[in-house]
C-alpha atoms as a PDB file:
ATOM      1  CA  MET A   1     -62.252 -29.868  13.599  1.00  0.00           C
ATOM      2  CA  VAL A   2     -60.977 -26.506  14.589  1.00  0.00           C
ATOM      3  CA  SER A   3     -59.704 -27.718  17.927  1.00  0.00           C
ATOM      4  CA  ILE A   4     -58.212 -30.745  16.214  1.00  0.00           C
ATOM      5  CA  CYS A   5     -56.344 -28.577  13.716  1.00  0.00           C
ATOM      6  CA  PHE A   6     -54.999 -26.063  16.224  1.00  0.00           C
ATOM      7  CA  ALA A   7     -54.207 -28.509  19.033  1.00  0.00           C
ATOM      8  CA  MET A   8     -52.884 -31.536  17.267  1.00  0.00           C
ATOM      9  CA  LEU A   9     -51.886 -30.536  13.676  1.00  0.00           C
ATOM     10  CA  PRO A  10     -48.487 -29.108  14.792  1.00  0.00           C
ATOM     11  CA  VAL A  11     -47.713 -32.336  16.550  1.00  0.00           C
ATOM     12  CA  ALA A  12     -48.701 -34.405  13.525  1.00  0.00           C
ATOM     13  CA  LEU A  13     -46.733 -32.177  11.102  1.00  0.00           C
ATOM     14  CA  THR A  14     -43.621 -32.437  13.271  1.00  0.00           C
ATOM     15  CA  GLY A  15     -44.077 -36.227  13.364  1.00  0.00           C
ATOM     16  CA  LEU A  16     -44.378 -36.294   9.602  1.00  0.00           C
ATOM     17  CA  GLY A  17     -40.993 -34.522   9.232  1.00  0.00           C
ATOM     18  CA  LEU A  18     -41.916 -30.877   8.804  1.00  0.00           C
ATOM     19  CA  PRO A  19     -39.096 -28.816  10.461  1.00  0.00           C
ATOM     20  CA  LYS A  20     -40.231 -27.035  13.671  1.00  0.00           C
ATOM     21  CA  ALA A  21     -39.051 -23.722  12.219  1.00  0.00           C
ATOM     22  CA  GLN A  22     -41.739 -23.984   9.493  1.00  0.00           C
ATOM     23  CA  LEU A  23     -44.670 -24.805  11.826  1.00  0.00           C
ATOM     24  CA  GLY A  24     -45.568 -21.174  12.425  1.00  0.00           C
ATOM     25  CA  LEU A  25     -45.743 -20.422   8.695  1.00  0.00           C
ATOM     26  CA  HIS A  26     -47.934 -23.497   8.025  1.00  0.00           C
ATOM     27  CA  MET A  27     -50.321 -22.667  10.830  1.00  0.00           C
ATOM     28  CA  ALA A  28     -50.488 -19.080   9.718  1.00  0.00           C
ATOM     29  CA  LEU A  29     -51.401 -20.252   6.243  1.00  0.00           C
ATOM     30  CA  LEU A  30     -54.100 -22.408   7.769  1.00  0.00           C
ATOM     31  CA  VAL A  31     -55.701 -19.357   9.403  1.00  0.00           C
ATOM     32  CA  PHE A  32     -55.171 -17.083   6.378  1.00  0.00           C
ATOM     33  CA  ALA A  33     -56.853 -19.626   4.061  1.00  0.00           C
ATOM     34  CA  GLY A  34     -59.851 -19.721   6.402  1.00  0.00           C
ATOM     35  CA  LEU A  35     -60.216 -15.975   6.263  1.00  0.00           C
ATOM     36  CA  LEU A  36     -60.228 -16.108   2.454  1.00  0.00           C
ATOM     37  CA  LEU A  37     -62.970 -18.726   2.105  1.00  0.00           C
ATOM     38  CA  GLN A  38     -65.407 -17.605   4.760  1.00  0.00           C
ATOM     39  CA  PRO A  39     -67.000 -14.801   2.681  1.00  0.00           C
ATOM     40  CA  ALA A  40     -67.445 -17.117  -0.317  1.00  0.00           C
ATOM     41  CA  ALA A  41     -69.046 -19.762   1.846  1.00  0.00           C
ATOM     42  CA  ALA A  42     -71.478 -17.217   3.308  1.00  0.00           C
ATOM     43  CA  VAL A  43     -72.558 -16.198  -0.264  1.00  0.00           C
ATOM     44  CA  VAL A  44     -73.083 -19.849  -1.243  1.00  0.00           C
ATOM     45  CA  ALA A  45     -74.918 -20.567   2.000  1.00  0.00           C
ATOM     46  CA  ARG A  46     -77.362 -17.659   1.426  1.00  0.00           C
ATOM     47  CA  THR A  47     -77.969 -18.871  -2.134  1.00  0.00           C
ATOM     48  CA  CYS A  48     -78.625 -22.503  -1.570  1.00  0.00           C
ATOM     49  CA  GLY A  49     -79.052 -22.937   2.262  1.00  0.00           C
ATOM     50  CA  GLN A  50     -76.534 -24.105   4.789  1.00  0.00           C
ATOM     51  CA  ALA A  51     -77.021 -27.854   4.522  1.00  0.00           C
ATOM     52  CA  ASN A  52     -75.569 -28.256   1.080  1.00  0.00           C
ATOM     53  CA  PRO A  53     -72.375 -26.177   1.532  1.00  0.00           C
ATOM     54  CA  LEU A  54     -71.797 -27.674   4.945  1.00  0.00           C
ATOM     55  CA  ALA A  55     -72.127 -31.225   3.565  1.00  0.00           C
ATOM     56  CA  ILE A  56     -69.822 -30.293   0.647  1.00  0.00           C
ATOM     57  CA  VAL A  57     -67.204 -28.887   3.079  1.00  0.00           C
ATOM     58  CA  LEU A  58     -67.355 -32.001   5.251  1.00  0.00           C
ATOM     59  CA  VAL A  59     -67.047 -34.345   2.221  1.00  0.00           C
ATOM     60  CA  ALA A  60     -64.110 -32.221   0.969  1.00  0.00           C
ATOM     61  CA  LEU A  61     -62.546 -32.515   4.463  1.00  0.00           C
ATOM     62  CA  VAL A  62     -62.902 -36.291   4.333  1.00  0.00           C
ATOM     63  CA  ALA A  63     -61.187 -36.241   0.931  1.00  0.00           C
ATOM     64  CA  GLU A  64     -58.446 -33.894   2.126  1.00  0.00           C
ATOM     65  CA  CYS A  65     -57.821 -36.057   5.221  1.00  0.00           C
ATOM     66  CA  GLY A  66     -57.692 -39.111   2.966  1.00  0.00           C
ATOM     67  CA  LEU A  67     -54.993 -37.463   0.914  1.00  0.00           C
ATOM     68  CA  LEU A  68     -53.044 -36.540   4.007  1.00  0.00           C
ATOM     69  CA  LEU A  69     -53.518 -40.045   5.278  1.00  0.00           C
ATOM     70  CA  LEU A  70     -51.911 -41.360   2.145  1.00  0.00           C
ATOM     71  CA  GLY A  71     -48.820 -39.364   2.871  1.00  0.00           C
ATOM     72  CA  VAL A  72     -49.098 -36.580   0.319  1.00  0.00           C
ATOM     73  CA  VAL A  73     -48.027 -34.025   2.957  1.00  0.00           C
ATOM     74  CA  ALA A  74     -44.281 -33.864   2.414  1.00  0.00           C
ATOM     75  CA  ALA A  75     -44.148 -32.409  -1.027  1.00  0.00           C
ATOM     76  CA  THR A  76     -47.137 -30.175  -0.859  1.00  0.00           C
ATOM     77  CA  ALA A  77     -47.658 -29.211   2.772  1.00  0.00           C
ATOM     78  CA  ILE A  78     -48.359 -25.562   1.972  1.00  0.00           C
ATOM     79  CA  LEU A  79     -51.131 -26.420  -0.441  1.00  0.00           C
ATOM     80  CA  HIS A  80     -52.650 -28.847   2.122  1.00  0.00           C
ATOM     81  CA  MET A  81     -52.615 -26.079   4.800  1.00  0.00           C
ATOM     82  CA  LEU A  82     -54.456 -23.733   2.448  1.00  0.00           C
ATOM     83  CA  VAL A  83     -57.039 -26.355   1.627  1.00  0.00           C
ATOM     84  CA  LEU A  84     -57.451 -27.624   5.198  1.00  0.00           C
ATOM     85  CA  GLY A  85     -57.644 -24.075   6.651  1.00  0.00           C
ATOM     86  CA  SER A  86     -60.201 -22.871   4.124  1.00  0.00           C
ATOM     87  CA  LEU A  87     -62.477 -25.827   4.783  1.00  0.00           C
ATOM     88  CA  VAL A  88     -62.119 -25.920   8.566  1.00  0.00           C
ATOM     89  CA  ALA A  89     -62.802 -22.248   8.979  1.00  0.00           C
ATOM     90  CA  THR A  90     -66.163 -22.489   7.229  1.00  0.00           C
ATOM     91  CA  LEU A  91     -67.515 -25.260   9.457  1.00  0.00           C
ATOM     92  CA  TYR A  92     -68.475 -23.134  12.442  1.00  0.00           C
ATOM     93  CA  PRO A  93     -70.453 -20.357  10.594  1.00  0.00           C
ATOM     94  CA  LEU A  94     -72.191 -22.873   8.322  1.00  0.00           C
ATOM     95  CA  SER A  95     -73.119 -25.056  11.273  1.00  0.00           C
ATOM     96  CA  LEU A  96     -74.647 -22.151  13.191  1.00  0.00           C
ATOM     97  CA  GLY A  97     -76.606 -21.121  10.090  1.00  0.00           C
ATOM     98  CA  LEU A  98     -77.912 -24.657   9.579  1.00  0.00           C
ATOM     99  CA  TRP A  99     -78.885 -24.939  13.260  1.00  0.00           C
ATOM    100  CA  SER A 100     -80.692 -21.671  13.175  1.00  0.00           C
ATOM    101  CA  ARG A 101     -82.444 -22.479   9.927  1.00  0.00           C
ATOM    102  CA  HIS A 102     -83.781 -25.687  11.372  1.00  0.00           C
ATOM    103  CA  GLY A 103     -85.290 -24.069  14.503  1.00  0.00           C
ATOM    104  CA  GLY A 104     -82.311 -24.118  16.895  1.00  0.00           C
ATOM    105  CA  GLN A 105     -81.696 -21.095  19.010  1.00  0.00           C
ATOM    106  CA  PRO A 106     -78.142 -19.589  19.137  1.00  0.00           C
ATOM    107  CA  GLY A 107     -76.248 -21.021  22.157  1.00  0.00           C
ATOM    108  CA  GLY A 108     -77.601 -24.028  24.030  1.00  0.00           C
ATOM    109  CA  LYS A 109     -77.255 -27.347  22.286  1.00  0.00           C
ATOM    110  CA  ILE A 110     -75.073 -26.210  19.325  1.00  0.00           C
ATOM    111  CA  MET A 111     -72.587 -24.606  21.756  1.00  0.00           C
ATOM    112  CA  ALA A 112     -72.647 -27.735  23.926  1.00  0.00           C
ATOM    113  CA  ALA A 113     -71.901 -29.856  20.832  1.00  0.00           C
ATOM    114  CA  TYR A 114     -68.971 -27.611  19.914  1.00  0.00           C
ATOM    115  CA  ALA A 115     -67.688 -27.717  23.549  1.00  0.00           C
ATOM    116  CA  VAL A 116     -67.829 -31.515  23.657  1.00  0.00           C
ATOM    117  CA  GLY A 117     -66.107 -31.682  20.207  1.00  0.00           C
ATOM    118  CA  GLY A 118     -63.459 -29.135  21.309  1.00  0.00           C
ATOM    119  CA  PHE A 119     -62.693 -31.283  24.371  1.00  0.00           C
ATOM    120  CA  CYS A 120     -63.031 -34.786  22.933  1.00  0.00           C
ATOM    121  CA  GLY A 121     -61.594 -34.096  19.443  1.00  0.00           C
ATOM    122  CA  PRO A 122     -57.982 -33.526  20.478  1.00  0.00           C
ATOM    123  CA  LEU A 123     -58.158 -36.452  22.896  1.00  0.00           C
ATOM    124  CA  LEU A 124     -59.475 -38.799  20.239  1.00  0.00           C
ATOM    125  CA  CYS A 125     -56.769 -37.631  17.808  1.00  0.00           C
ATOM    126  CA  ALA A 126     -54.085 -38.016  20.417  1.00  0.00           C
ATOM    127  CA  LEU A 127     -55.220 -41.634  20.957  1.00  0.00           C
ATOM    128  CA  ALA A 128     -55.355 -42.227  17.166  1.00  0.00           C
ATOM    129  CA  MET A 129     -51.869 -40.788  16.825  1.00  0.00           C
ATOM    130  CA  ASP A 130     -50.595 -43.082  19.602  1.00  0.00           C
ATOM    131  CA  LEU A 131     -52.066 -46.073  17.792  1.00  0.00           C
ATOM    132  CA  GLN A 132     -51.294 -45.102  14.155  1.00  0.00           C
ATOM    133  CA  GLY A 133     -48.517 -42.567  14.352  1.00  0.00           C
ATOM    134  CA  PRO A 134     -48.801 -38.943  13.048  1.00  0.00           C
ATOM    135  CA  THR A 135     -51.255 -39.922  10.294  1.00  0.00           C
ATOM    136  CA  GLY A 136     -53.679 -40.991  13.038  1.00  0.00           C
ATOM    137  CA  LEU A 137     -54.771 -37.398  13.215  1.00  0.00           C
ATOM    138  CA  PHE A 138     -56.216 -37.576   9.743  1.00  0.00           C
ATOM    139  CA  SER A 139     -57.979 -40.879  10.402  1.00  0.00           C
ATOM    140  CA  ALA A 140     -59.669 -39.465  13.564  1.00  0.00           C
ATOM    141  CA  ALA A 141     -60.497 -36.227  11.653  1.00  0.00           C
ATOM    142  CA  MET A 142     -62.159 -38.277   8.929  1.00  0.00           C
ATOM    143  CA  LEU A 143     -64.258 -40.118  11.562  1.00  0.00           C
ATOM    144  CA  CYS A 144     -65.278 -36.833  13.075  1.00  0.00           C
ATOM    145  CA  CYS A 145     -66.364 -35.429   9.686  1.00  0.00           C
ATOM    146  CA  LEU A 146     -68.317 -38.599   8.901  1.00  0.00           C
ATOM    147  CA  ALA A 147     -70.050 -38.466  12.289  1.00  0.00           C
ATOM    148  CA  THR A 148     -70.916 -34.788  11.682  1.00  0.00           C
ATOM    149  CA  LEU A 149     -72.353 -35.638   8.266  1.00  0.00           C
ATOM    150  CA  ILE A 150     -74.604 -38.242   9.845  1.00  0.00           C
ATOM    151  CA  ALA A 151     -75.682 -35.824  12.572  1.00  0.00           C
ATOM    152  CA  ILE A 152     -76.509 -33.215   9.872  1.00  0.00           C
ATOM    153  CA  ALA A 153     -78.560 -35.728   7.868  1.00  0.00           C
ATOM    154  CA  ILE A 154     -80.537 -36.552  11.024  1.00  0.00           C
ATOM    155  CA  LEU A 155     -81.039 -32.915  11.883  1.00  0.00           C
ATOM    156  CA  VAL A 156     -82.210 -32.044   8.383  1.00  0.00           C
ATOM    157  CA  LYS A 157     -84.600 -35.045   8.264  1.00  0.00           C
ATOM    158  CA  THR A 158     -86.112 -34.541  11.721  1.00  0.00           C
ATOM    159  CA  ARG A 159     -86.461 -30.740  11.913  1.00  0.00           C
ATOM    160  CA  LYS A 160     -88.613 -28.438   9.831  1.00  0.00           C
ATOM    161  CA  THR A 161     -87.055 -25.476   8.187  1.00  0.00           C
ATOM    162  CA  ARG A 162     -88.121 -22.153   9.760  1.00  0.00           C
ATOM    163  CA  VAL A 163     -89.611 -19.780   7.288  1.00  0.00           C
ATOM    164  CA  ALA A 164     -89.774 -16.104   7.988  1.00  0.00           C
ATOM    165  CA  PRO A 165     -93.374 -14.874   8.062  1.00  0.00           C
ATOM    166  CA  ALA A 166     -94.341 -13.002   4.945  1.00  0.00           C
ATOM    167  CA  ILE A 167     -95.340  -9.380   5.258  1.00  0.00           C
ATOM    168  CA  ALA A 168     -98.666  -8.589   3.687  1.00  0.00           C
ATOM    169  CA  PRO A 169     -98.702  -5.670   1.236  1.00  0.00           C
ATOM    170  CA  HIS A 170    -100.960  -3.587   3.516  1.00  0.00           C
ATOM    171  CA  GLN A 171     -98.512  -4.142   6.421  1.00  0.00           C
ATOM    172  CA  ALA A 172     -95.478  -2.954   4.514  1.00  0.00           C
ATOM    173  CA  SER A 173     -94.138   0.414   5.557  1.00  0.00           C
ATOM    174  CA  THR A 174     -94.134   3.036   2.808  1.00  0.00           C
ATOM    175  CA  GLY A 175     -91.862   5.287   4.633  1.00  0.00           C
ATOM    176  CA  PRO A 176     -92.245   8.556   6.589  1.00  0.00           C
END
Protein backbone atom coordinates (compact mmCIF):
# COMPACT_ATOMS: atom_id res chain seq x y z
CA MET A 1 0.00 0.00 0.00
CA VAL A 2 2.83 2.41 0.73
CA SER A 3 4.31 2.02 -2.74
CA ILE A 4 0.84 2.30 -4.26
CA CYS A 5 0.19 5.57 -2.45
CA PHE A 6 3.48 7.22 -3.23
CA ALA A 7 3.85 5.94 -6.79
CA MET A 8 0.33 6.11 -8.16
CA LEU A 9 -1.76 8.39 -5.94
CA PRO A 10 -0.47 11.62 -7.55
CA VAL A 11 -1.38 10.22 -10.97
CA ALA A 12 -4.86 9.23 -9.78
CA LEU A 13 -5.48 12.56 -8.04
CA THR A 14 -4.45 14.47 -11.16
CA GLY A 15 -6.78 12.28 -13.20
CA LEU A 16 -9.60 13.01 -10.75
CA GLY A 17 -9.17 16.74 -11.31
CA LEU A 18 -6.92 17.85 -8.44
CA PRO A 19 -4.75 20.73 -9.69
CA LYS A 20 -1.09 19.78 -10.03
CA ALA A 21 -0.14 22.75 -7.86
CA GLN A 22 -1.91 21.11 -4.90
CA LEU A 23 -0.36 17.63 -5.24
CA GLY A 24 2.61 18.47 -3.02
CA LEU A 25 0.33 19.67 -0.22
CA HIS A 26 -1.85 16.58 -0.43
CA MET A 27 1.10 14.19 -0.43
CA ALA A 28 2.68 16.07 2.49
CA LEU A 29 -0.59 15.69 4.41
CA LEU A 30 -0.51 11.97 3.65
CA VAL A 31 2.95 11.66 5.25
CA PHE A 32 2.11 13.97 8.18
CA ALA A 33 -1.02 11.99 9.05
CA GLY A 34 1.06 8.82 9.08
CA LEU A 35 3.45 10.34 11.57
CA LEU A 36 0.56 11.26 13.84
CA LEU A 37 -1.08 7.83 13.99
CA GLN A 38 1.97 5.59 14.31
CA PRO A 39 2.50 6.18 18.06
CA ALA A 40 -1.17 5.52 18.79
CA ALA A 41 -1.08 2.33 16.71
CA ALA A 42 1.97 1.15 18.67
CA VAL A 43 0.15 1.63 21.98
CA VAL A 44 -2.90 -0.25 20.73
CA ALA A 45 -0.72 -3.05 19.33
CA ARG A 46 1.10 -3.48 22.65
CA THR A 47 -2.23 -3.61 24.45
CA CYS A 48 -4.12 -6.11 22.32
CA GLY A 49 -1.56 -7.68 19.98
CA GLN A 50 -0.74 -6.79 16.38
CA ALA A 51 -3.35 -8.92 14.58
CA ASN A 52 -6.39 -6.98 15.76
CA PRO A 53 -5.13 -3.45 14.98
CA LEU A 54 -3.65 -4.60 11.67
CA ALA A 55 -6.97 -6.18 10.64
CA ILE A 56 -8.81 -3.02 11.73
CA VAL A 57 -6.45 -0.83 9.69
CA LEU A 58 -6.89 -3.03 6.63
CA VAL A 59 -10.69 -3.04 6.94
CA ALA A 60 -10.61 0.75 7.39
CA LEU A 61 -8.43 1.01 4.26
CA VAL A 62 -10.95 -1.08 2.32
CA ALA A 63 -13.72 1.27 3.52
CA GLU A 64 -11.67 4.38 2.68
CA CYS A 65 -10.84 3.05 -0.79
CA GLY A 66 -14.55 2.30 -1.23
CA LEU A 67 -15.39 5.92 -0.45
CA LEU A 68 -12.71 7.12 -2.82
CA LEU A 69 -14.00 4.73 -5.46
CA LEU A 70 -17.45 6.26 -5.15
CA GLY A 71 -15.98 9.63 -6.06
CA VAL A 72 -16.03 11.40 -2.72
CA VAL A 73 -12.55 12.79 -3.42
CA ALA A 74 -13.32 16.15 -4.99
CA ALA A 75 -14.92 17.95 -2.06
CA THR A 76 -12.93 16.38 0.76
CA ALA A 77 -9.53 15.49 -0.70
CA ILE A 78 -7.60 16.85 2.30
CA LEU A 79 -9.62 14.77 4.75
CA HIS A 80 -9.10 11.68 2.62
CA MET A 81 -5.34 12.27 2.49
CA LEU A 82 -5.26 12.48 6.29
CA VAL A 83 -7.24 9.25 6.70
CA LEU A 84 -5.37 7.39 3.98
CA GLY A 85 -1.96 8.54 5.22
CA SER A 86 -2.65 7.63 8.83
CA LEU A 87 -3.83 4.15 7.89
CA VAL A 88 -1.13 3.36 5.32
CA ALA A 89 1.71 4.46 7.60
CA THR A 90 0.70 2.00 10.32
CA LEU A 91 0.69 -1.07 8.05
CA TYR A 92 4.44 -1.70 7.99
CA PRO A 93 5.17 -1.52 11.76
CA LEU A 94 2.05 -3.52 12.64
CA SER A 95 2.92 -6.15 10.02
CA LEU A 96 6.46 -6.54 11.34
CA GLY A 97 5.15 -6.85 14.89
CA LEU A 98 2.63 -9.50 13.87
CA TRP A 99 5.25 -11.42 11.90
CA SER A 100 7.64 -11.37 14.85
CA ARG A 101 4.93 -12.34 17.33
CA HIS A 102 4.08 -15.41 15.25
CA GLY A 103 7.62 -16.74 15.04
CA GLY A 104 9.00 -14.92 12.02
CA GLN A 105 12.47 -13.48 12.10
CA PRO A 106 13.05 -9.87 11.00
CA GLY A 107 14.09 -9.73 7.37
CA GLY A 108 13.70 -12.81 5.21
CA LYS A 109 10.16 -13.66 4.16
CA ILE A 110 8.45 -10.51 5.43
CA MET A 111 10.93 -8.29 3.59
CA ALA A 112 10.52 -10.41 0.45
CA ALA A 113 6.75 -9.98 0.71
CA TYR A 114 7.14 -6.21 0.99
CA ALA A 115 9.55 -6.16 -1.94
CA VAL A 116 7.12 -8.12 -4.12
CA GLY A 117 4.28 -5.81 -3.05
CA GLY A 118 6.40 -2.73 -3.67
CA PHE A 119 7.15 -3.94 -7.18
CA CYS A 120 3.81 -5.49 -8.16
CA GLY A 121 1.47 -3.03 -6.39
CA PRO A 122 2.13 -0.02 -8.61
CA LEU A 123 2.06 -2.22 -11.74
CA LEU A 124 -1.30 -3.69 -10.71
CA CYS A 125 -2.64 -0.21 -9.98
CA ALA A 126 -1.40 1.15 -13.29
CA LEU A 127 -3.19 -1.68 -15.08
CA ALA A 128 -6.37 -1.06 -13.05
CA MET A 129 -6.17 2.65 -13.86
CA ASP A 130 -5.79 1.87 -17.56
CA LEU A 131 -8.91 -0.29 -17.40
CA GLN A 132 -11.06 1.78 -15.04
CA GLY A 133 -9.62 5.28 -15.10
CA PRO A 134 -8.16 7.09 -12.08
CA THR A 135 -10.49 5.30 -9.66
CA GLY A 136 -8.90 2.00 -10.69
CA LEU A 137 -6.21 2.82 -8.13
CA PHE A 138 -8.74 2.45 -5.33
CA SER A 139 -10.15 -0.80 -6.75
CA ALA A 140 -6.67 -2.31 -6.92
CA ALA A 141 -5.84 -1.02 -3.42
CA MET A 142 -9.01 -2.66 -2.07
CA LEU A 143 -7.98 -5.97 -3.64
CA CYS A 144 -4.51 -5.67 -2.13
CA CYS A 145 -5.97 -5.00 1.34
CA LEU A 146 -8.38 -7.93 1.06
CA ALA A 147 -5.55 -10.24 -0.05
CA THR A 148 -3.48 -9.05 2.92
CA LEU A 149 -6.37 -9.74 5.31
CA ILE A 150 -6.59 -13.29 3.97
CA ALA A 151 -2.82 -13.74 4.35
CA ILE A 152 -2.98 -12.48 7.95
CA ALA A 153 -5.83 -14.86 8.78
CA ILE A 154 -3.78 -17.75 7.38
CA LEU A 155 -0.68 -16.65 9.30
CA VAL A 156 -2.55 -16.31 12.58
CA LYS A 157 -4.30 -19.68 12.16
CA THR A 158 -1.20 -21.64 11.14
CA ARG A 159 1.49 -20.19 13.39
CA LYS A 160 1.75 -20.34 17.13
CA THR A 161 2.29 -17.17 19.07
CA ARG A 162 5.76 -16.90 20.59
CA VAL A 163 5.67 -16.31 24.29
CA ALA A 164 8.68 -14.92 26.08
CA PRO A 165 9.99 -17.36 28.71
CA ALA A 166 9.04 -16.44 32.23
CA ILE A 167 11.81 -15.64 34.68
CA ALA A 168 11.60 -17.64 37.87
CA PRO A 169 11.75 -15.55 41.09
CA HIS A 170 15.10 -17.10 42.07
CA GLN A 171 16.56 -16.10 38.66
CA ALA A 172 15.52 -12.49 38.92
CA SER A 173 18.30 -10.05 39.58
CA THR A 174 18.00 -8.10 42.79
CA GLY A 175 20.52 -5.54 41.69
CA PRO A 176 24.15 -4.83 42.64
